[in-house]
Amino acid sequence: MQIHIRQHDTVSIVAITGSIDSLTVDTLSQRFEEAIAQGHVRLVADFSLVNYTSSAGLRSLLSTVKGCRLAGGDLRMAAVQPQVHRVLDISGFTSILSIFPDVDHAVVSFKELA
């Protein structure tokens, strides 16, 4: 798994490549926690290149969205692949997380918080 973070105005875009599972989730959780600790609480998780997430990945997303919301921000998902979207849907995460068709739409959605 690879993780790249870039800024777009007040939004941090976290681009993830690969699978999120018990072997990789600690790295992802750490990067999310570091971003929040640095005050980056408007996060977009770019899932365009994520082909799998396990329950460990779901726990990381839940922890991150809670942390962001407690700090006045949010975690938004972008470009979620069908197989991953299915996992999010079955687990009820589509009612917790805002999911957008692409990164641009997710970034623009934060304007409502401004």
C-alpha atoms as a PDB file:
ATOM      1  CA  MET A   1       0.000   0.000   0.000  1.00  0.00           C
ATOM      2  CA  GLN A   2       1.159   3.506  -0.795  1.00  0.00           C
ATOM      3  CA  ILE A   3      -0.149   6.747   0.696  1.00  0.00           C
ATOM      4  CA  HIS A   4       0.383  10.234  -0.693  1.00  0.00           C
ATOM      5  CA  ILE A   5      -1.014  13.343   0.970  1.00  0.00           C
ATOM      6  CA  ARG A   6      -1.382  16.672  -0.785  1.00  0.00           C
ATOM      7  CA  GLN A   7      -3.075  19.934   0.109  1.00  0.00           C
ATOM      8  CA  HIS A   8      -5.800  21.672  -1.875  1.00  0.00           C
ATOM      9  CA  ASP A   9      -6.571  24.911  -0.044  1.00  0.00           C
ATOM     10  CA  THR A  10      -7.879  23.795   3.374  1.00  0.00           C
ATOM     11  CA  VAL A  11      -8.469  20.187   2.324  1.00  0.00           C
ATOM     12  CA  SER A  12      -5.937  17.367   2.633  1.00  0.00           C
ATOM     13  CA  ILE A  13      -6.255  14.711  -0.048  1.00  0.00           C
ATOM     14  CA  VAL A  14      -5.068  11.285   1.056  1.00  0.00           C
ATOM     15  CA  ALA A  15      -4.454   9.167  -2.039  1.00  0.00           C
ATOM     16  CA  ILE A  16      -4.196   5.482  -1.226  1.00  0.00           C
ATOM     17  CA  THR A  17      -2.985   2.754  -3.576  1.00  0.00           C
ATOM     18  CA  GLY A  18      -3.431  -0.961  -2.944  1.00  0.00           C
ATOM     19  CA  SER A  19      -5.254  -3.023  -0.346  1.00  0.00           C
ATOM     20  CA  ILE A  20      -6.200  -1.988   3.153  1.00  0.00           C
ATOM     21  CA  ASP A  21      -5.998  -4.990   5.446  1.00  0.00           C
ATOM     22  CA  SER A  22      -4.453  -6.119   8.737  1.00  0.00           C
ATOM     23  CA  LEU A  23      -0.962  -5.872   7.241  1.00  0.00           C
ATOM     24  CA  THR A  24      -1.321  -2.282   6.007  1.00  0.00           C
ATOM     25  CA  VAL A  25      -3.945  -0.642   8.209  1.00  0.00           C
ATOM     26  CA  ASP A  26      -1.509   0.515  10.910  1.00  0.00           C
ATOM     27  CA  THR A  27       0.347   2.654   8.377  1.00  0.00           C
ATOM     28  CA  LEU A  28      -2.900   4.169   7.119  1.00  0.00           C
ATOM     29  CA  SER A  29      -4.218   4.840  10.620  1.00  0.00           C
ATOM     30  CA  GLN A  30      -0.934   6.468  11.599  1.00  0.00           C
ATOM     31  CA  ARG A  31      -1.014   8.791   8.583  1.00  0.00           C
ATOM     32  CA  PHE A  32      -4.630   9.764   9.323  1.00  0.00           C
ATOM     33  CA  GLU A  33      -3.780  10.379  13.004  1.00  0.00           C
ATOM     34  CA  GLU A  34      -0.760  12.527  12.063  1.00  0.00           C
ATOM     35  CA  ALA A  35      -2.888  14.627   9.721  1.00  0.00           C
ATOM     36  CA  ILE A  36      -5.514  15.235  12.400  1.00  0.00           C
ATOM     37  CA  ALA A  37      -2.847  16.034  15.016  1.00  0.00           C
ATOM     38  CA  GLN A  38      -1.436  18.666  12.632  1.00  0.00           C
ATOM     39  CA  GLY A  39      -4.870  20.263  12.342  1.00  0.00           C
ATOM     40  CA  HIS A  40      -5.755  18.780   8.966  1.00  0.00           C
ATOM     41  CA  VAL A  41      -9.340  17.791   9.770  1.00  0.00           C
ATOM     42  CA  ARG A  42     -10.844  18.267   6.320  1.00  0.00           C
ATOM     43  CA  LEU A  43      -9.750  15.040   4.694  1.00  0.00           C
ATOM     44  CA  VAL A  44     -10.618  13.446   1.374  1.00  0.00           C
ATOM     45  CA  ALA A  45      -9.674   9.784   1.051  1.00  0.00           C
ATOM     46  CA  ASP A  46      -9.019   9.112  -2.628  1.00  0.00           C
ATOM     47  CA  PHE A  47      -9.935   5.444  -3.042  1.00  0.00           C
ATOM     48  CA  SER A  48      -9.612   5.359  -6.827  1.00  0.00           C
ATOM     49  CA  LEU A  49      -6.711   2.898  -6.557  1.00  0.00           C
ATOM     50  CA  VAL A  50      -7.893   0.909  -3.517  1.00  0.00           C
ATOM     51  CA  ASN A  51      -8.990  -2.543  -4.612  1.00  0.00           C
ATOM     52  CA  TYR A  52      -9.844  -4.058  -1.200  1.00  0.00           C
ATOM     53  CA  THR A  53     -10.566  -3.097   2.382  1.00  0.00           C
ATOM     54  CA  SER A  54     -11.023  -5.440   5.306  1.00  0.00           C
ATOM     55  CA  SER A  55     -12.817  -4.802   8.569  1.00  0.00           C
ATOM     56  CA  ALA A  56      -9.535  -3.386   9.872  1.00  0.00           C
ATOM     57  CA  GLY A  57      -9.734  -0.721   7.171  1.00  0.00           C
ATOM     58  CA  LEU A  58     -13.318   0.041   8.140  1.00  0.00           C
ATOM     59  CA  ARG A  59     -12.267   0.555  11.765  1.00  0.00           C
ATOM     60  CA  SER A  60      -9.552   2.958  10.632  1.00  0.00           C
ATOM     61  CA  LEU A  61     -12.054   4.952   8.570  1.00  0.00           C
ATOM     62  CA  LEU A  62     -14.496   5.084  11.477  1.00  0.00           C
ATOM     63  CA  SER A  63     -11.826   6.273  13.895  1.00  0.00           C
ATOM     64  CA  THR A  64     -10.677   8.908  11.407  1.00  0.00           C
ATOM     65  CA  VAL A  65     -14.144  10.277  10.669  1.00  0.00           C
ATOM     66  CA  LYS A  66     -14.830  10.538  14.413  1.00  0.00           C
ATOM     67  CA  GLY A  67     -11.550  12.364  14.994  1.00  0.00           C
ATOM     68  CA  CYS A  68     -12.189  14.777  12.153  1.00  0.00           C
ATOM     69  CA  ARG A  69     -15.753  15.531  13.203  1.00  0.00           C
ATOM     70  CA  LEU A  70     -14.784  16.104  16.829  1.00  0.00           C
ATOM     71  CA  ALA A  71     -12.298  18.718  15.582  1.00  0.00           C
ATOM     72  CA  GLY A  72     -14.863  20.442  13.349  1.00  0.00           C
ATOM     73  CA  GLY A  73     -13.962  18.747  10.079  1.00  0.00           C
ATOM     74  CA  ASP A  74     -14.891  15.576   8.244  1.00  0.00           C
ATOM     75  CA  LEU A  75     -13.553  12.634   6.271  1.00  0.00           C
ATOM     76  CA  ARG A  76     -15.030  12.340   2.796  1.00  0.00           C
ATOM     77  CA  MET A  77     -14.500   9.459   0.392  1.00  0.00           C
ATOM     78  CA  ALA A  78     -13.827   9.846  -3.328  1.00  0.00           C
ATOM     79  CA  ALA A  79     -13.763   7.528  -6.336  1.00  0.00           C
ATOM     80  CA  VAL A  80     -14.539   4.372  -4.375  1.00  0.00           C
ATOM     81  CA  GLN A  81     -14.251   1.289  -6.571  1.00  0.00           C
ATOM     82  CA  PRO A  82     -17.381  -0.916  -6.862  1.00  0.00           C
ATOM     83  CA  GLN A  83     -15.969  -3.836  -4.859  1.00  0.00           C
ATOM     84  CA  VAL A  84     -14.937  -1.531  -2.006  1.00  0.00           C
ATOM     85  CA  HIS A  85     -18.195   0.426  -2.209  1.00  0.00           C
ATOM     86  CA  ARG A  86     -20.031  -2.871  -1.744  1.00  0.00           C
ATOM     87  CA  VAL A  87     -18.116  -3.539   1.496  1.00  0.00           C
ATOM     88  CA  LEU A  88     -18.903  -0.010   2.707  1.00  0.00           C
ATOM     89  CA  ASP A  89     -22.557  -0.475   1.813  1.00  0.00           C
ATOM     90  CA  ILE A  90     -22.960  -3.910   3.434  1.00  0.00           C
ATOM     91  CA  SER A  91     -21.280  -2.693   6.622  1.00  0.00           C
ATOM     92  CA  GLY A  92     -23.495   0.400   6.844  1.00  0.00           C
ATOM     93  CA  PHE A  93     -20.655   2.847   6.244  1.00  0.00           C
ATOM     94  CA  THR A  94     -22.430   4.509   3.322  1.00  0.00           C
ATOM     95  CA  SER A  95     -24.769   6.061   5.900  1.00  0.00           C
ATOM     96  CA  ILE A  96     -21.825   7.311   7.992  1.00  0.00           C
ATOM     97  CA  LEU A  97     -19.417   8.550   5.319  1.00  0.00           C
ATOM     98  CA  SER A  98     -20.035  11.002   2.502  1.00  0.00           C
ATOM     99  CA  ILE A  99     -18.958   9.368  -0.755  1.00  0.00           C
ATOM    100  CA  PHE A 100     -18.310  11.363  -3.940  1.00  0.00           C
ATOM    101  CA  PRO A 101     -17.665  10.230  -7.519  1.00  0.00           C
ATOM    102  CA  ASP A 102     -14.240  11.912  -7.644  1.00  0.00           C
ATOM    103  CA  VAL A 103     -11.779  13.975  -5.634  1.00  0.00           C
ATOM    104  CA  ASP A 104     -12.898  17.298  -7.126  1.00  0.00           C
ATOM    105  CA  HIS A 105     -16.501  16.811  -5.982  1.00  0.00           C
ATOM    106  CA  ALA A 106     -15.348  15.765  -2.508  1.00  0.00           C
ATOM    107  CA  VAL A 107     -13.078  18.822  -2.182  1.00  0.00           C
ATOM    108  CA  VAL A 108     -15.817  21.205  -3.343  1.00  0.00           C
ATOM    109  CA  SER A 109     -18.226  19.696  -0.779  1.00  0.00           C
ATOM    110  CA  PHE A 110     -16.150  21.249   2.007  1.00  0.00           C
ATOM    111  CA  LYS A 111     -17.119  24.745   0.902  1.00  0.00           C
ATOM    112  CA  GLU A 112     -20.335  24.262   2.884  1.00  0.00           C
ATOM    113  CA  LEU A 113     -18.236  24.095   6.083  1.00  0.00           C
ATOM    114  CA  ALA A 114     -16.468  27.384   5.363  1.00  0.00           C
END
